[in-house]
């Protein structure tokens, strides 16, 4: 019997980080790493998004500006099939 694949997770980040800056995500699952960020797609001046194709379990993540400046506060969490919207501060 084959193991079922994980479910998609959509993460939307609401943050205006200024022209020329980018947002990344780091985390503990769904193909993410705490060591190197994955860039988010910028869809408007204050909206960023990423779709992670195969989360198999709940996981923690953090938003990082320019893959260098970590968002303030606790880690965020998501589970397979979730759409999560977060508003980080830096």
PDB file of N, CA and C in Angstrom:
ATOM      1  N   UNK A   1       0.844  -1.182   0.000  1.00  0.00           N
ATOM      2  CA  UNK A   1       0.000   0.000   0.000  1.00  0.00           C
ATOM      3  C   UNK A   1       0.891   1.248   0.000  1.00  0.00           C
ATOM      4  N   UNK A   2       0.583   2.209  -0.843  1.00  0.00           N
ATOM      5  CA  UNK A   2       1.395   3.421  -0.914  1.00  0.00           C
ATOM      6  C   UNK A   2       0.906   4.445   0.097  1.00  0.00           C
ATOM      7  N   UNK A   3       1.856   5.191   0.586  1.00  0.00           N
ATOM      8  CA  UNK A   3       1.533   6.242   1.548  1.00  0.00           C
ATOM      9  C   UNK A   3       0.894   7.419   0.800  1.00  0.00           C
ATOM     10  N   UNK A   4      -0.223   7.961   1.309  1.00  0.00           N
ATOM     11  CA  UNK A   4      -0.826   9.107   0.616  1.00  0.00           C
ATOM     12  C   UNK A   4       0.079  10.328   0.678  1.00  0.00           C
ATOM     13  N   UNK A   5       0.027  11.128  -0.378  1.00  0.00           N
ATOM     14  CA  UNK A   5       0.825  12.352  -0.393  1.00  0.00           C
ATOM     15  C   UNK A   5       0.167  13.396   0.493  1.00  0.00           C
ATOM     16  N   UNK A   6       0.966  14.345   0.936  1.00  0.00           N
ATOM     17  CA  UNK A   6       0.457  15.402   1.797  1.00  0.00           C
ATOM     18  C   UNK A   6      -0.471  16.347   1.060  1.00  0.00           C
ATOM     19  N   UNK A   7      -1.068  17.249   1.798  1.00  0.00           N
ATOM     20  CA  UNK A   7      -1.992  18.221   1.241  1.00  0.00           C
ATOM     21  C   UNK A   7      -1.316  19.582   1.085  1.00  0.00           C
ATOM     22  N   UNK A   8      -1.825  20.354   0.169  1.00  0.00           N
ATOM     23  CA  UNK A   8      -1.325  21.697  -0.112  1.00  0.00           C
ATOM     24  C   UNK A   8      -1.597  22.628   1.070  1.00  0.00           C
ATOM     25  N   UNK A   9      -0.663  23.548   1.307  1.00  0.00           N
ATOM     26  CA  UNK A   9      -0.830  24.596   2.314  1.00  0.00           C
ATOM     27  C   UNK A   9      -0.556  25.937   1.625  1.00  0.00           C
ATOM     28  N   UNK A  10      -1.471  26.884   1.791  1.00  0.00           N
ATOM     29  CA  UNK A  10      -1.288  28.226   1.244  1.00  0.00           C
ATOM     30  C   UNK A  10      -1.023  29.174   2.396  1.00  0.00           C
ATOM     31  N   UNK A  11       0.049  29.931   2.287  1.00  0.00           N
ATOM     32  CA  UNK A  11       0.388  30.922   3.304  1.00  0.00           C
ATOM     33  C   UNK A  11       0.371  32.298   2.646  1.00  0.00           C
ATOM     34  N   UNK A  12      -0.443  33.190   3.217  1.00  0.00           N
ATOM     35  CA  UNK A  12      -0.554  34.566   2.746  1.00  0.00           C
ATOM     36  C   UNK A  12       0.021  35.459   3.830  1.00  0.00           C
ATOM     37  N   UNK A  13       0.930  36.352   3.434  1.00  0.00           N
ATOM     38  CA  UNK A  13       1.560  37.264   4.378  1.00  0.00           C
ATOM     39  C   UNK A  13       1.154  38.686   4.004  1.00  0.00           C
ATOM     40  N   UNK A  14       0.581  39.401   4.962  1.00  0.00           N
ATOM     41  CA  UNK A  14       0.181  40.792   4.770  1.00  0.00           C
ATOM     42  C   UNK A  14       1.245  41.676   5.428  1.00  0.00           C
ATOM     43  N   UNK A  15       2.100  42.268   4.624  1.00  0.00           N
ATOM     44  CA  UNK A  15       3.162  43.126   5.146  1.00  0.00           C
ATOM     45  C   UNK A  15       3.715  43.988   4.022  1.00  0.00           C
ATOM     46  N   UNK A  16       3.825  45.282   4.274  1.00  0.00           N
ATOM     47  CA  UNK A  16       4.472  46.192   3.334  1.00  0.00           C
ATOM     48  C   UNK A  16       5.909  46.353   3.810  1.00  0.00           C
ATOM     49  N   UNK A  17       6.839  45.712   3.115  1.00  0.00           N
ATOM     50  CA  UNK A  17       8.243  45.720   3.540  1.00  0.00           C
ATOM     51  C   UNK A  17       9.103  46.708   2.759  1.00  0.00           C
ATOM     52  N   UNK A  18       8.449  47.532   1.928  1.00  0.00           N
ATOM     53  CA  UNK A  18       9.183  48.564   1.205  1.00  0.00           C
ATOM     54  C   UNK A  18       9.732  48.076  -0.124  1.00  0.00           C
ATOM     55  N   UNK A  19       9.848  49.010  -1.058  1.00  0.00           N
ATOM     56  CA  UNK A  19      10.338  48.694  -2.392  1.00  0.00           C
ATOM     57  C   UNK A  19      11.738  48.097  -2.335  1.00  0.00           C
ATOM     58  N   UNK A  20      11.956  47.052  -3.107  1.00  0.00           N
ATOM     59  CA  UNK A  20      13.269  46.421  -3.189  1.00  0.00           C
ATOM     60  C   UNK A  20      13.513  45.328  -2.164  1.00  0.00           C
ATOM     61  N   UNK A  21      12.578  45.154  -1.230  1.00  0.00           N
ATOM     62  CA  UNK A  21      12.703  44.091  -0.230  1.00  0.00           C
ATOM     63  C   UNK A  21      11.835  42.902  -0.620  1.00  0.00           C
ATOM     64  N   UNK A  22      12.181  41.741  -0.093  1.00  0.00           N
ATOM     65  CA  UNK A  22      11.431  40.518  -0.363  1.00  0.00           C
ATOM     66  C   UNK A  22      11.153  39.788   0.941  1.00  0.00           C
ATOM     67  N   UNK A  23      10.140  38.942   0.912  1.00  0.00           N
ATOM     68  CA  UNK A  23       9.844  38.110   2.073  1.00  0.00           C
ATOM     69  C   UNK A  23      10.124  36.654   1.762  1.00  0.00           C
ATOM     70  N   UNK A  24      10.621  35.969   2.776  1.00  0.00           N
ATOM     71  CA  UNK A  24      10.944  34.554   2.690  1.00  0.00           C
ATOM     72  C   UNK A  24      10.233  33.844   3.825  1.00  0.00           C
ATOM     73  N   UNK A  25      10.151  32.534   3.722  1.00  0.00           N
ATOM     74  CA  UNK A  25       9.584  31.724   4.791  1.00  0.00           C
ATOM     75  C   UNK A  25      10.591  30.639   5.141  1.00  0.00           C
ATOM     76  N   UNK A  26      10.726  30.395   6.441  1.00  0.00           N
ATOM     77  CA  UNK A  26      11.562  29.299   6.930  1.00  0.00           C
ATOM     78  C   UNK A  26      10.710  28.472   7.882  1.00  0.00           C
ATOM     79  N   UNK A  27      11.017  27.190   8.008  1.00  0.00           N
ATOM     80  CA  UNK A  27      10.200  26.380   8.902  1.00  0.00           C
ATOM     81  C   UNK A  27      10.672  24.958   9.048  1.00  0.00           C
ATOM     82  N   UNK A  28       9.789  24.157   9.671  1.00  0.00           N
ATOM     83  CA  UNK A  28      10.162  22.806  10.100  1.00  0.00           C
ATOM     84  C   UNK A  28       9.479  21.692   9.315  1.00  0.00           C
ATOM     85  N   UNK A  29       8.754  22.003   8.269  1.00  0.00           N
ATOM     86  CA  UNK A  29       8.079  20.952   7.510  1.00  0.00           C
ATOM     87  C   UNK A  29       7.634  21.468   6.159  1.00  0.00           C
ATOM     88  N   UNK A  30       6.934  20.634   5.406  1.00  0.00           N
ATOM     89  CA  UNK A  30       6.406  20.989   4.084  1.00  0.00           C
ATOM     90  C   UNK A  30       7.505  21.449   3.130  1.00  0.00           C
ATOM     91  N   UNK A  31       8.686  20.875   3.287  1.00  0.00           N
ATOM     92  CA  UNK A  31       9.809  21.218   2.414  1.00  0.00           C
ATOM     93  C   UNK A  31      10.574  22.464   2.834  1.00  0.00           C
ATOM     94  N   UNK A  32      10.209  23.058   3.971  1.00  0.00           N
ATOM     95  CA  UNK A  32      10.892  24.256   4.450  1.00  0.00           C
ATOM     96  C   UNK A  32      12.099  23.888   5.303  1.00  0.00           C
ATOM     97  N   UNK A  33      12.976  24.855   5.485  1.00  0.00           N
ATOM     98  CA  UNK A  33      14.176  24.678   6.299  1.00  0.00           C
ATOM     99  C   UNK A  33      14.326  25.886   7.211  1.00  0.00           C
ATOM    100  N   UNK A  34      14.871  25.679   8.397  1.00  0.00           N
ATOM    101  CA  UNK A  34      15.185  26.798   9.287  1.00  0.00           C
ATOM    102  C   UNK A  34      16.484  27.483   8.856  1.00  0.00           C
ATOM    103  N   UNK A  35      17.295  26.829   8.029  1.00  0.00           N
ATOM    104  CA  UNK A  35      18.604  27.363   7.651  1.00  0.00           C
ATOM    105  C   UNK A  35      18.570  28.289   6.444  1.00  0.00           C
ATOM    106  N   UNK A  36      17.658  28.039   5.500  1.00  0.00           N
ATOM    107  CA  UNK A  36      17.610  28.832   4.270  1.00  0.00           C
ATOM    108  C   UNK A  36      16.157  29.053   3.898  1.00  0.00           C
ATOM    109  N   UNK A  37      15.798  30.293   3.609  1.00  0.00           N
ATOM    110  CA  UNK A  37      14.413  30.639   3.305  1.00  0.00           C
ATOM    111  C   UNK A  37      13.992  30.315   1.887  1.00  0.00           C
ATOM    112  N   UNK A  38      12.674  30.228   1.705  1.00  0.00           N
ATOM    113  CA  UNK A  38      12.042  30.076   0.402  1.00  0.00           C
ATOM    114  C   UNK A  38      11.289  31.368   0.124  1.00  0.00           C
ATOM    115  N   UNK A  39      11.543  31.979  -1.024  1.00  0.00           N
ATOM    116  CA  UNK A  39      10.961  33.285  -1.320  1.00  0.00           C
ATOM    117  C   UNK A  39       9.458  33.181  -1.566  1.00  0.00           C
ATOM    118  N   UNK A  40       8.735  34.219  -1.135  1.00  0.00           N
ATOM    119  CA  UNK A  40       7.304  34.311  -1.374  1.00  0.00           C
ATOM    120  C   UNK A  40       7.057  35.153  -2.617  1.00  0.00           C
ATOM    121  N   UNK A  41       5.921  34.924  -3.262  1.00  0.00           N
ATOM    122  CA  UNK A  41       5.528  35.692  -4.443  1.00  0.00           C
ATOM    123  C   UNK A  41       4.803  36.944  -3.986  1.00  0.00           C
ATOM    124  N   UNK A  42       5.211  38.087  -4.541  1.00  0.00           N
ATOM    125  CA  UNK A  42       4.585  39.366  -4.201  1.00  0.00           C
ATOM    126  C   UNK A  42       3.432  39.619  -5.167  1.00  0.00           C
ATOM    127  N   UNK A  43       2.187  39.709  -4.634  1.00  0.00           N
ATOM    128  CA  UNK A  43       1.030  39.909  -5.509  1.00  0.00           C
ATOM    129  C   UNK A  43       0.471  41.332  -5.435  1.00  0.00           C
ATOM    130  N   UNK A  44       0.840  42.119  -4.421  1.00  0.00           N
ATOM    131  CA  UNK A  44       0.519  43.547  -4.348  1.00  0.00           C
ATOM    132  C   UNK A  44       1.505  44.166  -3.367  1.00  0.00           C
ATOM    133  N   UNK A  45       1.403  45.496  -3.144  1.00  0.00           N
ATOM    134  CA  UNK A  45       2.433  46.143  -2.316  1.00  0.00           C
ATOM    135  C   UNK A  45       2.462  45.628  -0.883  1.00  0.00           C
ATOM    136  N   UNK A  46       1.395  44.965  -0.414  1.00  0.00           N
ATOM    137  CA  UNK A  46       1.428  44.454   0.958  1.00  0.00           C
ATOM    138  C   UNK A  46       0.937  43.013   1.081  1.00  0.00           C
ATOM    139  N   UNK A  47       0.948  42.277  -0.028  1.00  0.00           N
ATOM    140  CA  UNK A  47       0.486  40.887   0.012  1.00  0.00           C
ATOM    141  C   UNK A  47       1.509  39.969  -0.658  1.00  0.00           C
ATOM    142  N   UNK A  48       1.889  38.938   0.073  1.00  0.00           N
ATOM    143  CA  UNK A  48       2.856  37.944  -0.374  1.00  0.00           C
ATOM    144  C   UNK A  48       2.228  36.573  -0.199  1.00  0.00           C
ATOM    145  N   UNK A  49       2.604  35.615  -1.045  1.00  0.00           N
ATOM    146  CA  UNK A  49       1.947  34.312  -0.988  1.00  0.00           C
ATOM    147  C   UNK A  49       2.900  33.205  -1.400  1.00  0.00           C
ATOM    148  N   UNK A  50       2.671  32.036  -0.812  1.00  0.00           N
ATOM    149  CA  UNK A  50       3.364  30.825  -1.235  1.00  0.00           C
ATOM    150  C   UNK A  50       2.405  29.657  -1.071  1.00  0.00           C
ATOM    151  N   UNK A  51       2.467  28.731  -2.012  1.00  0.00           N
ATOM    152  CA  UNK A  51       1.702  27.489  -1.911  1.00  0.00           C
ATOM    153  C   UNK A  51       2.705  26.359  -1.771  1.00  0.00           C
ATOM    154  N   UNK A  52       2.641  25.692  -0.636  1.00  0.00           N
ATOM    155  CA  UNK A  52       3.519  24.548  -0.376  1.00  0.00           C
ATOM    156  C   UNK A  52       2.749  23.303  -0.800  1.00  0.00           C
ATOM    157  N   UNK A  53       3.260  22.534  -1.750  1.00  0.00           N
ATOM    158  CA  UNK A  53       2.462  21.486  -2.379  1.00  0.00           C
ATOM    159  C   UNK A  53       2.182  20.242  -1.545  1.00  0.00           C
ATOM    160  N   UNK A  54       2.998  19.932  -0.555  1.00  0.00           N
ATOM    161  CA  UNK A  54       2.813  18.614   0.072  1.00  0.00           C
ATOM    162  C   UNK A  54       3.198  18.596   1.545  1.00  0.00           C
ATOM    163  N   UNK A  55       2.386  19.228   2.385  1.00  0.00           N
ATOM    164  CA  UNK A  55       2.607  19.128   3.832  1.00  0.00           C
ATOM    165  C   UNK A  55       1.987  17.824   4.320  1.00  0.00           C
ATOM    166  N   UNK A  56       2.756  17.044   5.066  1.00  0.00           N
ATOM    167  CA  UNK A  56       2.256  15.757   5.551  1.00  0.00           C
ATOM    168  C   UNK A  56       1.878  15.784   7.020  1.00  0.00           C
ATOM    169  N   UNK A  57       2.221  16.883   7.710  1.00  0.00           N
ATOM    170  CA  UNK A  57       1.929  17.005   9.140  1.00  0.00           C
ATOM    171  C   UNK A  57       1.925  18.492   9.486  1.00  0.00           C
ATOM    172  N   UNK A  58       1.342  18.863  10.623  1.00  0.00           N
ATOM    173  CA  UNK A  58       1.429  20.262  11.058  1.00  0.00           C
ATOM    174  C   UNK A  58       2.896  20.684  11.189  1.00  0.00           C
ATOM    175  N   UNK A  59       3.161  21.967  10.945  1.00  0.00           N
ATOM    176  CA  UNK A  59       4.536  22.456  11.005  1.00  0.00           C
ATOM    177  C   UNK A  59       4.563  23.906  11.474  1.00  0.00           C
ATOM    178  N   UNK A  60       5.731  24.316  11.953  1.00  0.00           N
ATOM    179  CA  UNK A  60       5.967  25.696  12.384  1.00  0.00           C
ATOM    180  C   UNK A  60       6.716  26.431  11.282  1.00  0.00           C
ATOM    181  N   UNK A  61       6.459  27.753  11.210  1.00  0.00           N
ATOM    182  CA  UNK A  61       7.184  28.562  10.228  1.00  0.00           C
ATOM    183  C   UNK A  61       7.327  29.986  10.741  1.00  0.00           C
ATOM    184  N   UNK A  62       8.229  30.703  10.103  1.00  0.00           N
ATOM    185  CA  UNK A  62       8.499  32.087  10.452  1.00  0.00           C
ATOM    186  C   UNK A  62       8.717  32.859   9.155  1.00  0.00           C
ATOM    187  N   UNK A  63       8.323  34.131   9.134  1.00  0.00           N
ATOM    188  CA  UNK A  63       8.530  35.001   7.983  1.00  0.00           C
ATOM    189  C   UNK A  63       9.826  35.774   8.211  1.00  0.00           C
ATOM    190  N   UNK A  64      10.635  35.885   7.140  1.00  0.00           N
ATOM    191  CA  UNK A  64      11.948  36.526   7.244  1.00  0.00           C
ATOM    192  C   UNK A  64      12.094  37.538   6.104  1.00  0.00           C
ATOM    193  N   UNK A  65      12.360  38.797   6.454  1.00  0.00           N
ATOM    194  CA  UNK A  65      12.552  39.843   5.436  1.00  0.00           C
ATOM    195  C   UNK A  65      13.955  39.721   4.863  1.00  0.00           C
ATOM    196  N   UNK A  66      14.026  39.670   3.527  1.00  0.00           N
ATOM    197  CA  UNK A  66      15.294  39.549   2.795  1.00  0.00           C
ATOM    198  C   UNK A  66      16.109  38.337   3.252  1.00  0.00           C
ATOM    199  N   UNK A  67      15.434  37.332   3.781  1.00  0.00           N
ATOM    200  CA  UNK A  67      16.043  36.097   4.298  1.00  0.00           C
ATOM    201  C   UNK A  67      17.133  36.401   5.325  1.00  0.00           C
ATOM    202  N   UNK A  68      16.917  37.518   6.076  1.00  0.00           N
ATOM    203  CA  UNK A  68      17.921  37.970   7.030  1.00  0.00           C
ATOM    204  C   UNK A  68      17.301  38.494   8.333  1.00  0.00           C
ATOM    205  N   UNK A  69      16.181  39.214   8.248  1.00  0.00           N
ATOM    206  CA  UNK A  69      15.551  39.839   9.416  1.00  0.00           C
ATOM    207  C   UNK A  69      14.300  39.041   9.786  1.00  0.00           C
ATOM    208  N   UNK A  70      14.347  38.362  10.934  1.00  0.00           N
ATOM    209  CA  UNK A  70      13.262  37.490  11.365  1.00  0.00           C
ATOM    210  C   UNK A  70      12.091  38.299  11.910  1.00  0.00           C
ATOM    211  N   UNK A  71      10.874  37.835  11.645  1.00  0.00           N
ATOM    212  CA  UNK A  71       9.698  38.488  12.204  1.00  0.00           C
ATOM    213  C   UNK A  71       9.706  38.330  13.727  1.00  0.00           C
ATOM    214  N   UNK A  72       9.106  39.308  14.407  1.00  0.00           N
ATOM    215  CA  UNK A  72       9.078  39.355  15.865  1.00  0.00           C
ATOM    216  C   UNK A  72       7.970  38.433  16.381  1.00  0.00           C
ATOM    217  N   UNK A  73       8.233  37.776  17.485  1.00  0.00           N
ATOM    218  CA  UNK A  73       7.182  36.993  18.131  1.00  0.00           C
ATOM    219  C   UNK A  73       7.313  35.501  17.903  1.00  0.00           C
ATOM    220  N   UNK A  74       6.253  34.805  18.308  1.00  0.00           N
ATOM    221  CA  UNK A  74       6.211  33.348  18.239  1.00  0.00           C
ATOM    222  C   UNK A  74       6.178  32.852  16.792  1.00  0.00           C
ATOM    223  N   UNK A  75       6.549  31.587  16.613  1.00  0.00           N
ATOM    224  CA  UNK A  75       6.417  30.941  15.308  1.00  0.00           C
ATOM    225  C   UNK A  75       4.933  30.824  14.958  1.00  0.00           C
ATOM    226  N   UNK A  76       4.654  30.833  13.667  1.00  0.00           N
ATOM    227  CA  UNK A  76       3.305  30.556  13.181  1.00  0.00           C
ATOM    228  C   UNK A  76       3.195  29.058  12.949  1.00  0.00           C
ATOM    229  N   UNK A  77       1.974  28.559  12.779  1.00  0.00           N
ATOM    230  CA  UNK A  77       1.797  27.134  12.492  1.00  0.00           C
ATOM    231  C   UNK A  77       0.756  26.945  11.409  1.00  0.00           C
ATOM    232  N   UNK A  78       0.881  25.827  10.707  1.00  0.00           N
ATOM    233  CA  UNK A  78      -0.059  25.450   9.653  1.00  0.00           C
ATOM    234  C   UNK A  78      -0.137  23.933   9.611  1.00  0.00           C
ATOM    235  N   UNK A  79      -1.212  23.437   9.042  1.00  0.00           N
ATOM    236  CA  UNK A  79      -1.422  22.000   8.906  1.00  0.00           C
ATOM    237  C   UNK A  79      -1.831  21.688   7.473  1.00  0.00           C
ATOM    238  N   UNK A  80      -1.687  20.434   7.049  1.00  0.00           N
ATOM    239  CA  UNK A  80      -2.073  20.065   5.692  1.00  0.00           C
ATOM    240  C   UNK A  80      -3.487  20.534   5.359  1.00  0.00           C
ATOM    241  N   UNK A  81      -3.627  21.176   4.192  1.00  0.00           N
ATOM    242  CA  UNK A  81      -4.922  21.661   3.729  1.00  0.00           C
ATOM    243  C   UNK A  81      -5.269  23.069   4.176  1.00  0.00           C
ATOM    244  N   UNK A  82      -4.463  23.655   5.061  1.00  0.00           N
ATOM    245  CA  UNK A  82      -4.751  24.992   5.591  1.00  0.00           C
ATOM    246  C   UNK A  82      -4.465  26.097   4.576  1.00  0.00           C
ATOM    247  N   UNK A  83      -5.202  27.206   4.739  1.00  0.00           N
ATOM    248  CA  UNK A  83      -4.826  28.501   4.169  1.00  0.00           C
ATOM    249  C   UNK A  83      -4.659  29.405   5.378  1.00  0.00           C
ATOM    250  N   UNK A  84      -3.443  29.905   5.561  1.00  0.00           N
ATOM    251  CA  UNK A  84      -3.103  30.708   6.740  1.00  0.00           C
ATOM    252  C   UNK A  84      -2.721  32.105   6.285  1.00  0.00           C
ATOM    253  N   UNK A  85      -3.297  33.125   6.918  1.00  0.00           N
ATOM    254  CA  UNK A  85      -2.916  34.508   6.654  1.00  0.00           C
ATOM    255  C   UNK A  85      -2.272  35.060   7.921  1.00  0.00           C
ATOM    256  N   UNK A  86      -1.077  35.629   7.778  1.00  0.00           N
ATOM    257  CA  UNK A  86      -0.354  36.179   8.920  1.00  0.00           C
ATOM    258  C   UNK A  86       0.042  37.626   8.617  1.00  0.00           C
ATOM    259  N   UNK A  87       0.205  38.414   9.685  1.00  0.00           N
ATOM    260  CA  UNK A  87       0.623  39.813   9.573  1.00  0.00           C
ATOM    261  C   UNK A  87       1.822  40.021  10.503  1.00  0.00           C
ATOM    262  N   UNK A  88       3.020  39.720  10.002  1.00  0.00           N
ATOM    263  CA  UNK A  88       4.206  39.813  10.869  1.00  0.00           C
ATOM    264  C   UNK A  88       4.672  41.264  11.039  1.00  0.00           C
ATOM    265  N   UNK A  89       5.438  41.459  12.100  1.00  0.00           N
ATOM    266  CA  UNK A  89       6.152  42.732  12.294  1.00  0.00           C
ATOM    267  C   UNK A  89       7.640  42.408  12.372  1.00  0.00           C
ATOM    268  N   UNK A  90       8.438  43.390  11.982  1.00  0.00           N
ATOM    269  CA  UNK A  90       9.894  43.186  11.936  1.00  0.00           C
ATOM    270  C   UNK A  90      10.601  44.205  12.794  1.00  0.00           C
TER     271      UNK A  90
END
